[in-house]
Amino acid sequence: MIREREVRAVSGGLMLVVLLALGVALVLALIASIKSPWLAVLLSLAIGANAVAMAGFFVIHPNKPKVLQLFGRYVGTVREPGLKWSNPFYTKRGMSVRIRNFESNRLKVNDHDGSPIEIAAVVVWRVIDTAEAAFEVDDYEHFVKVQAESAVRNLATQHTYDTHDDARMSLRGNTQEVAEQLRVEIQDRLAKAGVEVMEARLSHLAYAPEIAAAMLRRQQAGAVIAARQRIVEGAVGMVDMALDLLRQKHVVELDEERKAAMVSNLLVVLCGEHDAQPVVNTGTIYQ
């Protein structure tokens, strides 16, 4: 694999002064050597070489280095900004190492349960190795987009859209964990392209339109069941606490039948969807 090798180019300002002074001196010498044909030819060639050397100037903008090649061979990367000069026969390919981001297309894929969903992600990335980005892949920007979408598809198949089980990870319920998993997977795919993935997050998540209504009813039913389970668990705990406090404070002695009646009444009050309507009993529980 080709790794980045940073090189320092010659200061462009210094070389500009040198080449201009040399060019003026050569022109003056050529004018003075008209009577010597051979010397004139040599000076003409020197002027031509000086003109070719002027093609070696290039500008480096902040965070936009240039990759240098000599007849196809990688020479190095110039990162220091400013006016620079190098071998005029070098080919200079500009490349941005600034932080960039893009949003993937909305992909239609089945989640872990087989339900069709729509999913998209925002990926924040930058080039950290210009040599790998330039030579290890054909088009690194296209490579980043394709591999990111592939990682999003793979992520969607590993998790369900939603779950009421806290032990299971879901796309909607565990956004931070899902985002980190997505970032790591994209980074693994782009390691050979000299790219660093700084952040990856889901930007769109929804059921596919053809099942959205049915899944909404399913979510509502699941939410109701989950809520009922929590309510019953809480109600049983409150009843147990009430009986325990009555026994500890010796408020009243209850036999098993009275305890059963009290438990039944408390559960009805605590688990009912509407406010309880009290009924005054003028007799006893045995009459």
Protein backbone atom coordinates (compact mmCIF):
# COMPACT_ATOMS: atom_id res chain seq x y z
CA MET A 1 0.00 0.00 0.00
CA ILE A 2 1.16 3.53 -0.78
CA ARG A 3 1.44 5.71 2.31
CA GLU A 4 1.55 9.47 2.37
CA ARG A 5 5.00 11.02 2.46
CA GLU A 6 5.04 14.73 3.19
CA VAL A 7 7.65 16.77 1.33
CA ARG A 8 8.63 20.41 1.62
CA ALA A 9 8.64 22.40 -1.60
CA VAL A 10 10.90 25.37 -2.26
CA SER A 11 9.53 28.77 -1.33
CA GLY A 12 7.82 30.22 -4.38
CA GLY A 13 8.67 33.82 -3.53
CA LEU A 14 12.40 33.10 -3.38
CA MET A 15 12.38 31.10 -6.61
CA LEU A 16 10.36 33.80 -8.37
CA VAL A 17 13.02 36.40 -7.57
CA VAL A 18 15.82 34.04 -8.62
CA LEU A 19 14.24 33.01 -11.91
CA LEU A 20 13.25 36.57 -12.86
CA ALA A 21 16.75 37.85 -12.12
CA LEU A 22 18.27 34.93 -14.03
CA GLY A 23 15.93 35.54 -16.97
CA VAL A 24 16.83 39.23 -17.18
CA ALA A 25 20.54 38.39 -16.98
CA LEU A 26 20.24 35.80 -19.76
CA VAL A 27 18.35 38.19 -22.02
CA LEU A 28 20.97 40.88 -21.54
CA ALA A 29 23.74 38.37 -22.18
CA LEU A 30 21.98 37.21 -25.33
CA ILE A 31 21.77 40.76 -26.63
CA ALA A 32 25.46 41.26 -25.95
CA SER A 33 26.43 37.98 -27.67
CA ILE A 34 24.89 38.59 -31.09
CA LYS A 35 28.33 38.35 -32.75
CA SER A 36 28.92 34.86 -31.25
CA PRO A 37 26.41 32.40 -32.80
CA TRP A 38 27.31 29.47 -30.56
CA LEU A 39 27.07 31.55 -27.39
CA ALA A 40 23.73 32.93 -28.59
CA VAL A 41 22.41 29.42 -29.11
CA LEU A 42 23.48 28.37 -25.62
CA LEU A 43 21.94 31.47 -24.09
CA SER A 44 18.71 30.87 -26.02
CA LEU A 45 18.55 27.34 -24.63
CA ALA A 46 19.18 28.68 -21.14
CA ILE A 47 16.35 31.21 -21.57
CA GLY A 48 14.07 28.38 -22.71
CA ALA A 49 15.04 26.30 -19.67
CA ASN A 50 14.34 29.29 -17.45
CA ALA A 51 10.90 29.66 -19.02
CA VAL A 52 10.19 25.95 -18.42
CA ALA A 53 11.27 26.36 -14.79
CA MET A 54 8.63 29.07 -14.39
CA ALA A 55 5.99 26.34 -14.85
CA GLY A 56 7.04 24.85 -11.52
CA PHE A 57 5.12 27.41 -9.46
CA PHE A 58 1.92 26.34 -7.70
CA VAL A 59 -0.23 27.54 -4.81
CA ILE A 60 -1.25 25.51 -1.76
CA HIS A 61 -4.43 26.66 -0.02
CA PRO A 62 -5.10 25.83 3.65
CA ASN A 63 -6.19 22.18 4.02
CA LYS A 64 -5.86 21.63 0.27
CA PRO A 65 -2.51 19.86 -0.29
CA LYS A 66 -1.17 18.70 -3.62
CA VAL A 67 0.02 15.20 -4.49
CA LEU A 68 3.21 15.24 -6.60
CA GLN A 69 4.03 12.62 -9.24
CA LEU A 70 6.96 12.30 -11.62
CA PHE A 71 6.11 10.24 -14.71
CA GLY A 72 3.59 8.20 -12.73
CA ARG A 73 5.75 7.68 -9.64
CA TYR A 74 4.50 9.09 -6.34
CA VAL A 75 6.96 11.68 -5.04
CA GLY A 76 5.20 13.10 -2.00
CA THR A 77 2.52 15.45 -0.72
CA VAL A 78 2.97 19.17 -0.07
CA ARG A 79 0.74 20.37 2.77
CA GLU A 80 2.31 23.70 3.79
CA PRO A 81 0.16 26.55 2.37
CA GLY A 82 1.59 29.34 0.26
CA LEU A 83 3.32 29.93 -3.07
CA LYS A 84 5.63 26.98 -3.78
CA TRP A 85 7.99 25.82 -6.49
CA SER A 86 9.00 22.31 -7.46
CA ASN A 87 10.21 20.36 -10.45
CA PRO A 88 8.19 21.66 -13.43
CA PHE A 89 7.83 18.09 -14.69
CA TYR A 90 5.91 17.07 -11.58
CA THR A 91 2.19 16.55 -12.06
CA LYS A 92 0.33 18.19 -9.21
CA ARG A 93 -3.03 16.81 -8.14
CA GLY A 94 -5.02 18.90 -5.71
CA MET A 95 -6.92 17.22 -2.89
CA SER A 96 -8.99 18.55 -0.01
CA VAL A 97 -8.45 17.37 3.57
CA ARG A 98 -11.18 19.60 4.95
CA ILE A 99 -14.02 18.12 6.98
CA ARG A 100 -16.90 17.15 4.71
CA ASN A 101 -20.30 15.57 5.19
CA PHE A 102 -23.02 14.09 3.06
CA GLU A 103 -26.43 12.54 3.57
CA SER A 104 -27.05 9.16 2.01
CA ASN A 105 -30.09 8.41 -0.07
CA ARG A 106 -33.19 7.12 1.68
CA LEU A 107 -32.71 3.38 1.45
CA LYS A 108 -35.52 0.85 1.63
CA VAL A 109 -34.36 -2.25 3.51
CA ASN A 110 -35.78 -4.93 5.80
CA ASP A 111 -34.91 -4.73 9.49
CA HIS A 112 -34.03 -7.71 11.68
CA ASP A 113 -37.69 -8.75 11.93
CA GLY A 114 -38.17 -8.52 8.16
CA SER A 115 -40.22 -5.32 8.27
CA PRO A 116 -39.49 -2.92 5.38
CA ILE A 117 -38.16 0.41 6.62
CA GLU A 118 -36.71 3.59 5.14
CA ILE A 119 -33.36 4.66 6.52
CA ALA A 120 -30.73 7.34 5.76
CA ALA A 121 -27.61 8.60 7.50
CA VAL A 122 -25.37 11.65 7.69
CA VAL A 123 -21.64 10.89 7.55
CA VAL A 124 -18.94 13.40 8.56
CA TRP A 125 -15.52 12.51 7.14
CA ARG A 126 -12.19 13.81 5.92
CA VAL A 127 -9.09 12.57 4.09
CA ILE A 128 -6.15 11.89 6.39
CA ASP A 129 -3.84 10.06 3.95
CA THR A 130 -3.73 11.73 0.54
CA ALA A 131 -1.63 8.97 -1.04
CA GLU A 132 -4.11 6.23 -0.17
CA ALA A 133 -7.06 8.36 -1.27
CA ALA A 134 -5.37 9.14 -4.59
CA PHE A 135 -3.93 5.73 -5.49
CA GLU A 136 -5.66 2.96 -3.53
CA VAL A 137 -9.18 3.65 -4.82
CA ASP A 138 -10.40 4.92 -8.17
CA ASP A 139 -12.64 7.75 -6.93
CA TYR A 140 -12.44 8.19 -3.18
CA GLU A 141 -15.51 10.46 -2.91
CA HIS A 142 -17.70 7.95 -4.74
CA PHE A 143 -16.10 5.15 -2.73
CA VAL A 144 -17.06 6.87 0.54
CA LYS A 145 -20.70 7.27 -0.51
CA VAL A 146 -21.10 3.71 -1.77
CA GLN A 147 -19.48 2.12 1.28
CA ALA A 148 -21.45 4.33 3.67
CA GLU A 149 -24.75 3.29 2.09
CA SER A 150 -23.67 -0.35 2.22
CA ALA A 151 -22.89 0.00 5.93
CA VAL A 152 -26.29 1.60 6.57
CA ARG A 153 -28.03 -1.31 4.84
CA ASN A 154 -26.07 -3.83 6.88
CA LEU A 155 -26.81 -1.97 10.11
CA ALA A 156 -30.55 -1.94 9.42
CA THR A 157 -30.62 -5.74 8.99
CA GLN A 158 -28.93 -6.31 12.36
CA HIS A 159 -31.50 -4.50 14.53
CA THR A 160 -35.25 -4.11 14.75
CA TYR A 161 -36.93 -0.80 14.16
CA ASP A 162 -38.35 -0.73 17.67
CA THR A 163 -38.68 -3.01 20.68
CA HIS A 164 -40.20 -2.82 24.15
CA ASP A 165 -37.54 -5.14 25.52
CA ASP A 166 -34.80 -3.10 27.21
CA ALA A 167 -32.33 -5.95 26.75
CA ARG A 168 -32.50 -5.71 22.94
CA MET A 169 -31.03 -2.88 20.89
CA SER A 170 -33.31 -1.11 18.42
CA LEU A 171 -32.74 1.50 15.76
CA ARG A 172 -35.20 3.94 17.32
CA GLY A 173 -34.52 3.29 20.98
CA ASN A 174 -30.70 3.17 21.03
CA THR A 175 -29.66 6.07 18.84
CA GLN A 176 -26.25 6.65 20.45
CA GLU A 177 -25.19 3.01 20.33
CA VAL A 178 -26.47 2.62 16.77
CA ALA A 179 -24.62 5.77 15.66
CA GLU A 180 -21.33 4.54 17.13
CA GLN A 181 -21.76 1.11 15.56
CA LEU A 182 -22.45 2.74 12.21
CA ARG A 183 -19.37 4.97 12.49
CA VAL A 184 -17.11 2.02 13.33
CA GLU A 185 -18.45 -0.08 10.46
CA ILE A 186 -18.03 2.72 7.91
CA GLN A 187 -14.51 3.39 9.22
CA ASP A 188 -13.58 -0.26 8.75
CA ARG A 189 -14.77 -0.13 5.16
CA LEU A 190 -12.90 3.11 4.39
CA ALA A 191 -9.62 2.34 6.14
CA LYS A 192 -7.89 1.48 2.85
CA ALA A 193 -8.98 4.75 1.26
CA GLY A 194 -7.14 7.01 3.70
CA VAL A 195 -10.41 8.40 5.09
CA GLU A 196 -11.34 9.10 8.70
CA VAL A 197 -15.02 8.92 9.67
CA MET A 198 -15.57 11.49 12.41
CA GLU A 199 -19.30 10.97 12.95
CA ALA A 200 -22.17 8.98 11.50
CA ARG A 201 -25.80 9.34 12.57
CA LEU A 202 -29.19 8.27 11.28
CA SER A 203 -30.98 11.22 9.71
CA HIS A 204 -34.16 9.43 8.64
CA LEU A 205 -35.89 6.36 10.04
CA ALA A 206 -39.43 5.29 9.27
CA TYR A 207 -41.48 2.31 8.27
CA ALA A 208 -42.08 1.88 4.56
CA PRO A 209 -45.34 3.58 3.44
CA GLU A 210 -47.08 0.30 2.58
CA ILE A 211 -46.89 -0.98 6.17
CA ALA A 212 -46.71 2.28 8.11
CA ALA A 213 -50.37 2.20 9.23
CA ALA A 214 -50.25 -1.46 10.24
CA MET A 215 -46.99 -1.03 12.13
CA LEU A 216 -48.39 2.02 13.91
CA ARG A 217 -51.24 -0.11 15.25
CA ARG A 218 -48.71 -2.77 16.20
CA GLN A 219 -46.62 -0.21 18.04
CA GLN A 220 -49.67 1.08 19.87
CA ALA A 221 -50.69 -2.43 20.89
CA GLY A 222 -47.17 -3.24 22.04
CA ALA A 223 -47.01 -0.01 24.00
CA VAL A 224 -50.33 -0.76 25.69
CA ILE A 225 -49.18 -4.27 26.66
CA ALA A 226 -45.87 -2.97 27.96
CA ALA A 227 -47.63 -0.25 29.94
CA ARG A 228 -50.10 -2.74 31.41
CA GLN A 229 -47.25 -4.95 32.54
CA ARG A 230 -45.61 -2.04 34.32
CA ILE A 231 -48.90 -1.00 35.90
CA VAL A 232 -49.62 -4.51 37.21
CA GLU A 233 -46.08 -4.85 38.59
CA GLY A 234 -46.40 -1.50 40.35
CA ALA A 235 -49.87 -2.27 41.67
CA VAL A 236 -48.79 -5.61 43.15
CA GLY A 237 -45.86 -3.88 44.83
CA MET A 238 -48.11 -1.19 46.30
CA VAL A 239 -50.61 -3.76 47.60
CA ASP A 240 -47.84 -5.75 49.24
CA MET A 241 -46.46 -2.58 50.81
CA ALA A 242 -49.91 -1.58 52.10
CA LEU A 243 -50.53 -4.97 53.73
CA ASP A 244 -47.05 -4.94 55.24
CA LEU A 245 -47.54 -1.47 56.75
CA LEU A 246 -50.94 -2.43 58.17
CA ARG A 247 -49.37 -5.46 59.82
CA GLN A 248 -46.38 -3.55 61.20
CA LYS A 249 -48.44 -0.67 62.66
CA HIS A 250 -51.15 -3.00 63.99
CA VAL A 251 -53.85 -0.86 62.41
CA VAL A 252 -56.17 -3.76 61.79
CA GLU A 253 -55.99 -7.53 61.88
CA LEU A 254 -57.12 -9.06 58.61
CA ASP A 255 -57.90 -12.69 58.00
CA GLU A 256 -57.21 -14.29 54.64
CA GLU A 257 -60.66 -13.53 53.25
CA ARG A 258 -60.46 -9.86 54.20
CA LYS A 259 -56.93 -9.67 52.74
CA ALA A 260 -58.22 -11.15 49.48
CA ALA A 261 -61.03 -8.59 49.35
CA MET A 262 -58.63 -5.73 50.07
CA VAL A 263 -56.19 -6.95 47.42
CA SER A 264 -58.99 -7.20 44.89
CA ASN A 265 -60.23 -3.68 45.63
CA LEU A 266 -56.75 -2.14 45.53
CA LEU A 267 -55.91 -3.83 42.22
CA VAL A 268 -59.14 -2.60 40.69
CA VAL A 269 -58.39 0.95 41.83
CA LEU A 270 -54.73 0.92 40.78
CA CYS A 271 -55.11 -0.88 37.44
CA GLY A 272 -58.38 0.64 36.28
CA GLU A 273 -58.37 3.13 33.40
CA HIS A 274 -61.02 5.33 35.05
CA ASP A 275 -61.38 6.85 38.48
CA ALA A 276 -62.77 4.46 41.08
CA GLN A 277 -66.38 4.90 42.19
CA PRO A 278 -66.52 4.16 45.92
CA VAL A 279 -69.35 1.98 47.25
CA VAL A 280 -70.32 2.31 50.92
CA ASN A 281 -70.90 -1.08 52.50
CA THR A 282 -73.37 -0.79 55.43
CA GLY A 283 -72.99 -4.41 56.38
CA THR A 284 -69.97 -6.62 56.77
CA ILE A 285 -67.97 -8.68 54.37
CA TYR A 286 -69.67 -11.83 55.70
CA GLN A 287 -73.26 -10.57 55.22
